[in-house]
Amino acid sequence: MLSGKQKRHLRALGHSLKPVIHIGKKEIEEALIKEANAALDCHELIKVKLLESCLLDKNEAAETLAGSCNADIAQILGKTFLLYRPATPPVIVLPSTEKPAKAKKA
């Protein structure tokens, strides 16, 4: 599960990406899941676009594809969403989820 800070970082990285996966009238099938897995293996962060012919809801499509690919949803915006799955070793360095310790007053 990604923290808010990590999602913001991924959204900033994903802003300039072009969609590499398009979901159309065939919706989410095994071939599309294989393509998404291959894209995640190569890029870690991918943009997916729902075409007008897709009958799935954007949230439903994002949850289904993320669950099938073992990925996290970084953003859902309009008809596009970002999926993130860290590679081994990770290329994208996420901000830490730990809060910095407060300095004591003297």
PDB file of N, CA and C in Angstrom:
ATOM      1  N   MET A   1       0.839  -1.188   0.000  1.00  0.00           N
ATOM      2  CA  MET A   1       0.000   0.000   0.000  1.00  0.00           C
ATOM      3  C   MET A   1       0.878   1.243   0.000  1.00  0.00           C
ATOM      4  N   LEU A   2       0.571   2.160  -0.870  1.00  0.00           N
ATOM      5  CA  LEU A   2       1.340   3.384  -1.017  1.00  0.00           C
ATOM      6  C   LEU A   2       0.817   4.466  -0.080  1.00  0.00           C
ATOM      7  N   SER A   3       1.733   5.254   0.473  1.00  0.00           N
ATOM      8  CA  SER A   3       1.332   6.391   1.297  1.00  0.00           C
ATOM      9  C   SER A   3       0.967   7.557   0.383  1.00  0.00           C
ATOM     10  N   GLY A   4       0.382   8.589   0.955  1.00  0.00           N
ATOM     11  CA  GLY A   4       0.016   9.772   0.179  1.00  0.00           C
ATOM     12  C   GLY A   4       1.226  10.447  -0.448  1.00  0.00           C
ATOM     13  N   LYS A   5       2.314  10.508   0.313  1.00  0.00           N
ATOM     14  CA  LYS A   5       3.540  11.131  -0.183  1.00  0.00           C
ATOM     15  C   LYS A   5       4.100  10.346  -1.370  1.00  0.00           C
ATOM     16  N   GLN A   6       4.052   9.020  -1.286  1.00  0.00           N
ATOM     17  CA  GLN A   6       4.539   8.175  -2.372  1.00  0.00           C
ATOM     18  C   GLN A   6       3.650   8.317  -3.612  1.00  0.00           C
ATOM     19  N   LYS A   7       2.335   8.394  -3.406  1.00  0.00           N
ATOM     20  CA  LYS A   7       1.419   8.569  -4.537  1.00  0.00           C
ATOM     21  C   LYS A   7       1.660   9.901  -5.232  1.00  0.00           C
ATOM     22  N   ARG A   8       1.898  10.966  -4.463  1.00  0.00           N
ATOM     23  CA  ARG A   8       2.189  12.267  -5.059  1.00  0.00           C
ATOM     24  C   ARG A   8       3.460  12.208  -5.906  1.00  0.00           C
ATOM     25  N   HIS A   9       4.465  11.509  -5.402  1.00  0.00           N
ATOM     26  CA  HIS A   9       5.724  11.359  -6.137  1.00  0.00           C
ATOM     27  C   HIS A   9       5.485  10.612  -7.452  1.00  0.00           C
ATOM     28  N   LEU A  10       4.719   9.526  -7.398  1.00  0.00           N
ATOM     29  CA  LEU A  10       4.427   8.744  -8.606  1.00  0.00           C
ATOM     30  C   LEU A  10       3.568   9.528  -9.586  1.00  0.00           C
ATOM     31  N   ARG A  11       2.614  10.316  -9.086  1.00  0.00           N
ATOM     32  CA  ARG A  11       1.787  11.144  -9.970  1.00  0.00           C
ATOM     33  C   ARG A  11       2.648  12.159 -10.718  1.00  0.00           C
ATOM     34  N   ALA A  12       3.623  12.733 -10.020  1.00  0.00           N
ATOM     35  CA  ALA A  12       4.517  13.693 -10.670  1.00  0.00           C
ATOM     36  C   ALA A  12       5.329  13.006 -11.767  1.00  0.00           C
ATOM     37  N   LEU A  13       5.811  11.796 -11.497  1.00  0.00           N
ATOM     38  CA  LEU A  13       6.569  11.053 -12.511  1.00  0.00           C
ATOM     39  C   LEU A  13       5.684  10.625 -13.674  1.00  0.00           C
ATOM     40  N   GLY A  14       4.441  10.288 -13.391  1.00  0.00           N
ATOM     41  CA  GLY A  14       3.534   9.779 -14.416  1.00  0.00           C
ATOM     42  C   GLY A  14       2.883  10.847 -15.269  1.00  0.00           C
ATOM     43  N   HIS A  15       3.016  12.103 -14.870  1.00  0.00           N
ATOM     44  CA  HIS A  15       2.350  13.187 -15.600  1.00  0.00           C
ATOM     45  C   HIS A  15       2.738  13.217 -17.077  1.00  0.00           C
ATOM     46  N   SER A  16       4.001  13.025 -17.368  1.00  0.00           N
ATOM     47  CA  SER A  16       4.469  13.140 -18.755  1.00  0.00           C
ATOM     48  C   SER A  16       4.409  11.824 -19.526  1.00  0.00           C
ATOM     49  N   LEU A  17       3.988  10.743 -18.884  1.00  0.00           N
ATOM     50  CA  LEU A  17       3.937   9.443 -19.565  1.00  0.00           C
ATOM     51  C   LEU A  17       2.795   9.385 -20.569  1.00  0.00           C
ATOM     52  N   LYS A  18       3.005   8.629 -21.614  1.00  0.00           N
ATOM     53  CA  LYS A  18       1.948   8.318 -22.582  1.00  0.00           C
ATOM     54  C   LYS A  18       1.339   6.972 -22.184  1.00  0.00           C
ATOM     55  N   PRO A  19       0.035   6.773 -22.423  1.00  0.00           N
ATOM     56  CA  PRO A  19      -0.568   5.478 -22.093  1.00  0.00           C
ATOM     57  C   PRO A  19       0.072   4.339 -22.899  1.00  0.00           C
ATOM     58  N   VAL A  20       0.452   3.266 -22.209  1.00  0.00           N
ATOM     59  CA  VAL A  20       1.035   2.109 -22.886  1.00  0.00           C
ATOM     60  C   VAL A  20       0.022   0.975 -23.009  1.00  0.00           C
ATOM     61  N   ILE A  21      -1.048   1.034 -22.240  1.00  0.00           N
ATOM     62  CA  ILE A  21      -2.113   0.034 -22.295  1.00  0.00           C
ATOM     63  C   ILE A  21      -3.423   0.773 -22.565  1.00  0.00           C
ATOM     64  N   HIS A  22      -4.196   0.258 -23.515  1.00  0.00           N
ATOM     65  CA  HIS A  22      -5.512   0.808 -23.831  1.00  0.00           C
ATOM     66  C   HIS A  22      -6.547  -0.290 -23.602  1.00  0.00           C
ATOM     67  N   ILE A  23      -7.580   0.029 -22.845  1.00  0.00           N
ATOM     68  CA  ILE A  23      -8.645  -0.945 -22.580  1.00  0.00           C
ATOM     69  C   ILE A  23      -9.839  -0.556 -23.430  1.00  0.00           C
ATOM     70  N   GLY A  24     -10.245  -1.469 -24.306  1.00  0.00           N
ATOM     71  CA  GLY A  24     -11.341  -1.208 -25.233  1.00  0.00           C
ATOM     72  C   GLY A  24     -12.531  -2.106 -24.977  1.00  0.00           C
ATOM     73  N   LYS A  25     -13.235  -2.462 -26.047  1.00  0.00           N
ATOM     74  CA  LYS A  25     -14.479  -3.220 -25.914  1.00  0.00           C
ATOM     75  C   LYS A  25     -14.269  -4.649 -25.431  1.00  0.00           C
ATOM     76  N   LYS A  26     -13.072  -5.221 -25.612  1.00  0.00           N
ATOM     77  CA  LYS A  26     -12.813  -6.565 -25.094  1.00  0.00           C
ATOM     78  C   LYS A  26     -12.562  -6.538 -23.595  1.00  0.00           C
ATOM     79  N   GLU A  27     -12.406  -5.334 -23.065  1.00  0.00           N
ATOM     80  CA  GLU A  27     -12.192  -5.089 -21.650  1.00  0.00           C
ATOM     81  C   GLU A  27     -10.948  -5.806 -21.131  1.00  0.00           C
ATOM     82  N   ILE A  28     -10.976  -6.318 -19.914  1.00  0.00           N
ATOM     83  CA  ILE A  28      -9.773  -6.900 -19.309  1.00  0.00           C
ATOM     84  C   ILE A  28      -9.815  -8.416 -19.487  1.00  0.00           C
ATOM     85  N   GLU A  29      -8.926  -8.901 -20.340  1.00  0.00           N
ATOM     86  CA  GLU A  29      -8.819 -10.342 -20.579  1.00  0.00           C
ATOM     87  C   GLU A  29      -7.367 -10.754 -20.347  1.00  0.00           C
ATOM     88  N   GLU A  30      -7.091 -12.027 -20.493  1.00  0.00           N
ATOM     89  CA  GLU A  30      -5.766 -12.582 -20.174  1.00  0.00           C
ATOM     90  C   GLU A  30      -4.639 -11.918 -20.982  1.00  0.00           C
ATOM     91  N   ALA A  31      -4.870 -11.650 -22.253  1.00  0.00           N
ATOM     92  CA  ALA A  31      -3.836 -11.031 -23.097  1.00  0.00           C
ATOM     93  C   ALA A  31      -3.496  -9.621 -22.597  1.00  0.00           C
ATOM     94  N   LEU A  32      -4.508  -8.874 -22.186  1.00  0.00           N
ATOM     95  CA  LEU A  32      -4.273  -7.522 -21.674  1.00  0.00           C
ATOM     96  C   LEU A  32      -3.498  -7.574 -20.360  1.00  0.00           C
ATOM     97  N   ILE A  33      -3.801  -8.538 -19.514  1.00  0.00           N
ATOM     98  CA  ILE A  33      -3.090  -8.693 -18.243  1.00  0.00           C
ATOM     99  C   ILE A  33      -1.623  -9.039 -18.498  1.00  0.00           C
ATOM    100  N   LYS A  34      -1.357  -9.902 -19.481  1.00  0.00           N
ATOM    101  CA  LYS A  34       0.033 -10.237 -19.827  1.00  0.00           C
ATOM    102  C   LYS A  34       0.786  -9.013 -20.322  1.00  0.00           C
ATOM    103  N   GLU A  35       0.138  -8.201 -21.162  1.00  0.00           N
ATOM    104  CA  GLU A  35       0.761  -6.973 -21.661  1.00  0.00           C
ATOM    105  C   GLU A  35       1.056  -6.005 -20.516  1.00  0.00           C
ATOM    106  N   ALA A  36       0.106  -5.862 -19.597  1.00  0.00           N
ATOM    107  CA  ALA A  36       0.307  -4.961 -18.463  1.00  0.00           C
ATOM    108  C   ALA A  36       1.445  -5.457 -17.580  1.00  0.00           C
ATOM    109  N   ASN A  37       1.512  -6.767 -17.347  1.00  0.00           N
ATOM    110  CA  ASN A  37       2.611  -7.329 -16.551  1.00  0.00           C
ATOM    111  C   ASN A  37       3.959  -7.077 -17.221  1.00  0.00           C
ATOM    112  N   ALA A  38       4.020  -7.271 -18.533  1.00  0.00           N
ATOM    113  CA  ALA A  38       5.268  -7.033 -19.264  1.00  0.00           C
ATOM    114  C   ALA A  38       5.664  -5.557 -19.191  1.00  0.00           C
ATOM    115  N   ALA A  39       4.687  -4.661 -19.320  1.00  0.00           N
ATOM    116  CA  ALA A  39       4.972  -3.223 -19.246  1.00  0.00           C
ATOM    117  C   ALA A  39       5.435  -2.833 -17.841  1.00  0.00           C
ATOM    118  N   LEU A  40       4.814  -3.400 -16.810  1.00  0.00           N
ATOM    119  CA  LEU A  40       5.227  -3.115 -15.436  1.00  0.00           C
ATOM    120  C   LEU A  40       6.621  -3.653 -15.146  1.00  0.00           C
ATOM    121  N   ASP A  41       6.953  -4.806 -15.723  1.00  0.00           N
ATOM    122  CA  ASP A  41       8.304  -5.353 -15.549  1.00  0.00           C
ATOM    123  C   ASP A  41       9.352  -4.416 -16.133  1.00  0.00           C
ATOM    124  N   CYS A  42       9.027  -3.796 -17.258  1.00  0.00           N
ATOM    125  CA  CYS A  42       9.985  -2.904 -17.927  1.00  0.00           C
ATOM    126  C   CYS A  42      10.031  -1.506 -17.318  1.00  0.00           C
ATOM    127  N   HIS A  43       8.881  -0.976 -16.943  1.00  0.00           N
ATOM    128  CA  HIS A  43       8.796   0.443 -16.595  1.00  0.00           C
ATOM    129  C   HIS A  43       8.481   0.746 -15.136  1.00  0.00           C
ATOM    130  N   GLU A  44       7.943  -0.183 -14.385  1.00  0.00           N
ATOM    131  CA  GLU A  44       7.512   0.003 -12.994  1.00  0.00           C
ATOM    132  C   GLU A  44       6.263   0.870 -12.872  1.00  0.00           C
ATOM    133  N   LEU A  45       6.182   1.947 -13.617  1.00  0.00           N
ATOM    134  CA  LEU A  45       5.044   2.869 -13.559  1.00  0.00           C
ATOM    135  C   LEU A  45       4.474   3.001 -14.969  1.00  0.00           C
ATOM    136  N   ILE A  46       3.196   2.654 -15.125  1.00  0.00           N
ATOM    137  CA  ILE A  46       2.577   2.734 -16.450  1.00  0.00           C
ATOM    138  C   ILE A  46       1.267   3.509 -16.375  1.00  0.00           C
ATOM    139  N   LYS A  47       0.914   4.103 -17.508  1.00  0.00           N
ATOM    140  CA  LYS A  47      -0.357   4.799 -17.639  1.00  0.00           C
ATOM    141  C   LYS A  47      -1.273   3.934 -18.492  1.00  0.00           C
ATOM    142  N   VAL A  48      -2.513   3.762 -18.018  1.00  0.00           N
ATOM    143  CA  VAL A  48      -3.510   2.950 -18.716  1.00  0.00           C
ATOM    144  C   VAL A  48      -4.687   3.849 -19.070  1.00  0.00           C
ATOM    145  N   LYS A  49      -5.183   3.731 -20.290  1.00  0.00           N
ATOM    146  CA  LYS A  49      -6.297   4.561 -20.742  1.00  0.00           C
ATOM    147  C   LYS A  49      -7.503   3.703 -21.088  1.00  0.00           C
ATOM    148  N   LEU A  50      -8.675   4.134 -20.640  1.00  0.00           N
ATOM    149  CA  LEU A  50      -9.928   3.484 -21.012  1.00  0.00           C
ATOM    150  C   LEU A  50     -10.468   4.158 -22.261  1.00  0.00           C
ATOM    151  N   LEU A  51     -10.730   3.379 -23.285  1.00  0.00           N
ATOM    152  CA  LEU A  51     -11.296   3.922 -24.514  1.00  0.00           C
ATOM    153  C   LEU A  51     -12.803   4.084 -24.360  1.00  0.00           C
ATOM    154  N   GLU A  52     -13.404   4.838 -25.267  1.00  0.00           N
ATOM    155  CA  GLU A  52     -14.853   5.079 -25.210  1.00  0.00           C
ATOM    156  C   GLU A  52     -15.660   3.786 -25.320  1.00  0.00           C
ATOM    157  N   SER A  53     -15.115   2.789 -26.014  1.00  0.00           N
ATOM    158  CA  SER A  53     -15.847   1.538 -26.214  1.00  0.00           C
ATOM    159  C   SER A  53     -15.843   0.635 -24.984  1.00  0.00           C
ATOM    160  N   CYS A  54     -15.051   0.977 -23.977  1.00  0.00           N
ATOM    161  CA  CYS A  54     -14.985   0.161 -22.763  1.00  0.00           C
ATOM    162  C   CYS A  54     -16.213   0.424 -21.897  1.00  0.00           C
ATOM    163  N   LEU A  55     -16.870  -0.641 -21.482  1.00  0.00           N
ATOM    164  CA  LEU A  55     -18.081  -0.511 -20.674  1.00  0.00           C
ATOM    165  C   LEU A  55     -17.799  -0.527 -19.176  1.00  0.00           C
ATOM    166  N   LEU A  56     -16.573  -0.814 -18.796  1.00  0.00           N
ATOM    167  CA  LEU A  56     -16.218  -0.857 -17.376  1.00  0.00           C
ATOM    168  C   LEU A  56     -16.110   0.547 -16.792  1.00  0.00           C
ATOM    169  N   ASP A  57     -16.439   0.657 -15.513  1.00  0.00           N
ATOM    170  CA  ASP A  57     -16.222   1.888 -14.770  1.00  0.00           C
ATOM    171  C   ASP A  57     -14.728   2.056 -14.539  1.00  0.00           C
ATOM    172  N   LYS A  58     -14.235   3.284 -14.498  1.00  0.00           N
ATOM    173  CA  LYS A  58     -12.795   3.519 -14.356  1.00  0.00           C
ATOM    174  C   LYS A  58     -12.246   2.936 -13.052  1.00  0.00           C
ATOM    175  N   ASN A  59     -12.997   3.039 -11.969  1.00  0.00           N
ATOM    176  CA  ASN A  59     -12.537   2.488 -10.692  1.00  0.00           C
ATOM    177  C   ASN A  59     -12.507   0.963 -10.721  1.00  0.00           C
ATOM    178  N   GLU A  60     -13.533   0.386 -11.313  1.00  0.00           N
ATOM    179  CA  GLU A  60     -13.610  -1.075 -11.439  1.00  0.00           C
ATOM    180  C   GLU A  60     -12.475  -1.610 -12.315  1.00  0.00           C
ATOM    181  N   ALA A  61     -12.218  -0.940 -13.421  1.00  0.00           N
ATOM    182  CA  ALA A  61     -11.140  -1.360 -14.322  1.00  0.00           C
ATOM    183  C   ALA A  61      -9.785  -1.254 -13.632  1.00  0.00           C
ATOM    184  N   ALA A  62      -9.555  -0.151 -12.916  1.00  0.00           N
ATOM    185  CA  ALA A  62      -8.279   0.042 -12.218  1.00  0.00           C
ATOM    186  C   ALA A  62      -8.077  -1.023 -11.142  1.00  0.00           C
ATOM    187  N   GLU A  63      -9.106  -1.286 -10.354  1.00  0.00           N
ATOM    188  CA  GLU A  63      -9.008  -2.300  -9.288  1.00  0.00           C
ATOM    189  C   GLU A  63      -8.771  -3.691  -9.868  1.00  0.00           C
ATOM    190  N   THR A  64      -9.484  -4.032 -10.933  1.00  0.00           N
ATOM    191  CA  THR A  64      -9.357  -5.352 -11.548  1.00  0.00           C
ATOM    192  C   THR A  64      -7.965  -5.563 -12.124  1.00  0.00           C
ATOM    193  N   LEU A  65      -7.479  -4.591 -12.886  1.00  0.00           N
ATOM    194  CA  LEU A  65      -6.165  -4.730 -13.509  1.00  0.00           C
ATOM    195  C   LEU A  65      -5.051  -4.696 -12.463  1.00  0.00           C
ATOM    196  N   ALA A  66      -5.176  -3.829 -11.475  1.00  0.00           N
ATOM    197  CA  ALA A  66      -4.160  -3.760 -10.415  1.00  0.00           C
ATOM    198  C   ALA A  66      -4.119  -5.060  -9.630  1.00  0.00           C
ATOM    199  N   GLY A  67      -5.267  -5.616  -9.323  1.00  0.00           N
ATOM    200  CA  GLY A  67      -5.318  -6.889  -8.602  1.00  0.00           C
ATOM    201  C   GLY A  67      -4.740  -8.030  -9.419  1.00  0.00           C
ATOM    202  N   SER A  68      -5.014  -8.043 -10.714  1.00  0.00           N
ATOM    203  CA  SER A  68      -4.510  -9.098 -11.584  1.00  0.00           C
ATOM    204  C   SER A  68      -2.994  -9.008 -11.780  1.00  0.00           C
ATOM    205  N   CYS A  69      -2.461  -7.792 -11.730  1.00  0.00           N
ATOM    206  CA  CYS A  69      -1.027  -7.582 -11.960  1.00  0.00           C
ATOM    207  C   CYS A  69      -0.241  -7.452 -10.662  1.00  0.00           C
ATOM    208  N   ASN A  70      -0.932  -7.519  -9.531  1.00  0.00           N
ATOM    209  CA  ASN A  70      -0.264  -7.371  -8.237  1.00  0.00           C
ATOM    210  C   ASN A  70       0.410  -6.002  -8.140  1.00  0.00           C
ATOM    211  N   ALA A  71      -0.298  -4.958  -8.574  1.00  0.00           N
ATOM    212  CA  ALA A  71       0.243  -3.601  -8.620  1.00  0.00           C
ATOM    213  C   ALA A  71      -0.593  -2.689  -7.727  1.00  0.00           C
ATOM    214  N   ASP A  72      -0.084  -1.492  -7.488  1.00  0.00           N
ATOM    215  CA  ASP A  72      -0.795  -0.466  -6.730  1.00  0.00           C
ATOM    216  C   ASP A  72      -1.306   0.604  -7.681  1.00  0.00           C
ATOM    217  N   ILE A  73      -2.453   1.184  -7.348  1.00  0.00           N
ATOM    218  CA  ILE A  73      -3.008   2.284  -8.125  1.00  0.00           C
ATOM    219  C   ILE A  73      -2.435   3.573  -7.547  1.00  0.00           C
ATOM    220  N   ALA A  74      -1.721   4.330  -8.375  1.00  0.00           N
ATOM    221  CA  ALA A  74      -1.138   5.592  -7.924  1.00  0.00           C
ATOM    222  C   ALA A  74      -2.101   6.755  -8.155  1.00  0.00           C
ATOM    223  N   GLN A  75      -2.919   6.662  -9.205  1.00  0.00           N
ATOM    224  CA  GLN A  75      -3.835   7.750  -9.520  1.00  0.00           C
ATOM    225  C   GLN A  75      -4.916   7.266 -10.467  1.00  0.00           C
ATOM    226  N   ILE A  76      -6.126   7.804 -10.288  1.00  0.00           N
ATOM    227  CA  ILE A  76      -7.209   7.642 -11.263  1.00  0.00           C
ATOM    228  C   ILE A  76      -7.661   9.049 -11.603  1.00  0.00           C
ATOM    229  N   LEU A  77      -7.553   9.405 -12.873  1.00  0.00           N
ATOM    230  CA  LEU A  77      -7.907  10.744 -13.307  1.00  0.00           C
ATOM    231  C   LEU A  77      -8.593  10.652 -14.656  1.00  0.00           C
ATOM    232  N   GLY A  78      -9.854  11.010 -14.694  1.00  0.00           N
ATOM    233  CA  GLY A  78     -10.620  10.917 -15.935  1.00  0.00           C
ATOM    234  C   GLY A  78     -10.697   9.473 -16.403  1.00  0.00           C
ATOM    235  N   LYS A  79     -10.327   9.230 -17.640  1.00  0.00           N
ATOM    236  CA  LYS A  79     -10.354   7.876 -18.204  1.00  0.00           C
ATOM    237  C   LYS A  79      -8.980   7.221 -18.173  1.00  0.00           C
ATOM    238  N   THR A  80      -8.040   7.768 -17.401  1.00  0.00           N
ATOM    239  CA  THR A  80      -6.705   7.170 -17.311  1.00  0.00           C
ATOM    240  C   THR A  80      -6.363   6.889 -15.856  1.00  0.00           C
ATOM    241  N   PHE A  81      -5.488   5.922 -15.661  1.00  0.00           N
ATOM    242  CA  PHE A  81      -4.992   5.645 -14.319  1.00  0.00           C
ATOM    243  C   PHE A  81      -3.548   5.171 -14.393  1.00  0.00           C
ATOM    244  N   LEU A  82      -2.836   5.353 -13.276  1.00  0.00           N
ATOM    245  CA  LEU A  82      -1.432   4.967 -13.158  1.00  0.00           C
ATOM    246  C   LEU A  82      -1.324   3.729 -12.289  1.00  0.00           C
ATOM    247  N   LEU A  83      -0.558   2.754 -12.744  1.00  0.00           N
ATOM    248  CA  LEU A  83      -0.272   1.554 -11.971  1.00  0.00           C
ATOM    249  C   LEU A  83       1.212   1.515 -11.663  1.00  0.00           C
ATOM    250  N   TYR A  84       1.538   1.089 -10.442  1.00  0.00           N
ATOM    251  CA  TYR A  84       2.931   0.999 -10.011  1.00  0.00           C
ATOM    252  C   TYR A  84       3.194  -0.370  -9.398  1.00  0.00           C
ATOM    253  N   ARG A  85       4.273  -0.992  -9.831  1.00  0.00           N
ATOM    254  CA  ARG A  85       4.757  -2.229  -9.215  1.00  0.00           C
ATOM    255  C   ARG A  85       6.279  -2.163  -9.218  1.00  0.00           C
ATOM    256  N   PRO A  86       6.915  -2.197  -8.031  1.00  0.00           N
ATOM    257  CA  PRO A  86       8.372  -2.085  -7.989  1.00  0.00           C
ATOM    258  C   PRO A  86       9.050  -3.265  -8.661  1.00  0.00           C
ATOM    259  N   ALA A  87      10.124  -2.978  -9.378  1.00  0.00           N
ATOM    260  CA  ALA A  87      10.931  -4.022 -10.009  1.00  0.00           C
ATOM    261  C   ALA A  87      11.933  -4.546  -8.991  1.00  0.00           C
ATOM    262  N   THR A  88      12.654  -5.586  -9.368  1.00  0.00           N
ATOM    263  CA  THR A  88      13.717  -6.089  -8.496  1.00  0.00           C
ATOM    264  C   THR A  88      15.035  -5.935  -9.225  1.00  0.00           C
ATOM    265  N   PRO A  89      15.928  -5.109  -8.865  1.00  0.00           N
ATOM    266  CA  PRO A  89      15.832  -4.073  -7.831  1.00  0.00           C
ATOM    267  C   PRO A  89      15.037  -2.872  -8.347  1.00  0.00           C
ATOM    268  N   PRO A  90      14.412  -2.117  -7.430  1.00  0.00           N
ATOM    269  CA  PRO A  90      13.591  -0.973  -7.855  1.00  0.00           C
ATOM    270  C   PRO A  90      14.416   0.119  -8.545  1.00  0.00           C
ATOM    271  N   VAL A  91      13.864   0.677  -9.607  1.00  0.00           N
ATOM    272  CA  VAL A  91      14.500   1.771 -10.323  1.00  0.00           C
ATOM    273  C   VAL A  91      13.983   3.105  -9.772  1.00  0.00           C
ATOM    274  N   ILE A  92      12.678   3.162  -9.521  1.00  0.00           N
ATOM    275  CA  ILE A  92      12.061   4.361  -8.961  1.00  0.00           C
ATOM    276  C   ILE A  92      12.240   4.328  -7.444  1.00  0.00           C
ATOM    277  N   VAL A  93      12.847   5.371  -6.910  1.00  0.00           N
ATOM    278  CA  VAL A  93      13.052   5.463  -5.463  1.00  0.00           C
ATOM    279  C   VAL A  93      11.906   6.276  -4.878  1.00  0.00           C
ATOM    280  N   LEU A  94      11.106   5.614  -4.030  1.00  0.00           N
ATOM    281  CA  LEU A  94       9.974   6.279  -3.409  1.00  0.00           C
ATOM    282  C   LEU A  94      10.408   7.001  -2.134  1.00  0.00           C
ATOM    283  N   PRO A  95       9.735   8.113  -1.792  1.00  0.00           N
ATOM    284  CA  PRO A  95      10.027   8.774  -0.523  1.00  0.00           C
ATOM    285  C   PRO A  95       9.695   7.839   0.635  1.00  0.00           C
ATOM    286  N   SER A  96      10.410   7.987   1.730  1.00  0.00           N
ATOM    287  CA  SER A  96      10.172   7.102   2.871  1.00  0.00           C
ATOM    288  C   SER A  96       8.836   7.440   3.524  1.00  0.00           C
ATOM    289  N   THR A  97       8.239   6.447   4.166  1.00  0.00           N
ATOM    290  CA  THR A  97       6.952   6.645   4.823  1.00  0.00           C
ATOM    291  C   THR A  97       7.122   7.049   6.280  1.00  0.00           C
ATOM    292  N   GLU A  98       8.367   7.045   6.760  1.00  0.00           N
ATOM    293  CA  GLU A  98       8.611   7.415   8.156  1.00  0.00           C
ATOM    294  C   GLU A  98       8.555   8.918   8.318  1.00  0.00           C
ATOM    295  N   LYS A  99       7.973   9.336   9.439  1.00  0.00           N
ATOM    296  CA  LYS A  99       7.915  10.759   9.742  1.00  0.00           C
ATOM    297  C   LYS A  99       9.229  11.155  10.418  1.00  0.00           C
ATOM    298  N   PRO A 100       9.767  12.314  10.066  1.00  0.00           N
ATOM    299  CA  PRO A 100      11.006  12.746  10.698  1.00  0.00           C
ATOM    300  C   PRO A 100      10.776  13.042  12.182  1.00  0.00           C
ATOM    301  N   ALA A 101      11.764  12.739  12.985  1.00  0.00           N
ATOM    302  CA  ALA A 101      11.667  12.985  14.417  1.00  0.00           C
ATOM    303  C   ALA A 101      11.698  14.489  14.671  1.00  0.00           C
ATOM    304  N   LYS A 102      10.868  14.926  15.628  1.00  0.00           N
ATOM    305  CA  LYS A 102      10.831  16.349  15.959  1.00  0.00           C
ATOM    306  C   LYS A 102      12.044  16.711  16.802  1.00  0.00           C
ATOM    307  N   ALA A 103      12.599  17.867  16.524  1.00  0.00           N
ATOM    308  CA  ALA A 103      13.756  18.340  17.289  1.00  0.00           C
ATOM    309  C   ALA A 103      13.270  18.832  18.643  1.00  0.00           C
ATOM    310  N   LYS A 104      14.035  18.506  19.672  1.00  0.00           N
ATOM    311  CA  LYS A 104      13.685  18.951  21.028  1.00  0.00           C
ATOM    312  C   LYS A 104      14.134  20.383  21.217  1.00  0.00           C
ATOM    313  N   LYS A 105      13.305  21.125  21.935  1.00  0.00           N
ATOM    314  CA  LYS A 105      13.637  22.520  22.220  1.00  0.00           C
ATOM    315  C   LYS A 105      14.574  22.562  23.418  1.00  0.00           C
ATOM    316  N   ALA A 106      15.508  23.467  23.374  1.00  0.00           N
ATOM    317  CA  ALA A 106      16.486  23.576  24.472  1.00  0.00           C
ATOM    318  C   ALA A 106      15.969  24.417  25.584  1.00  0.00           C
TER     319      ALA A 106
END
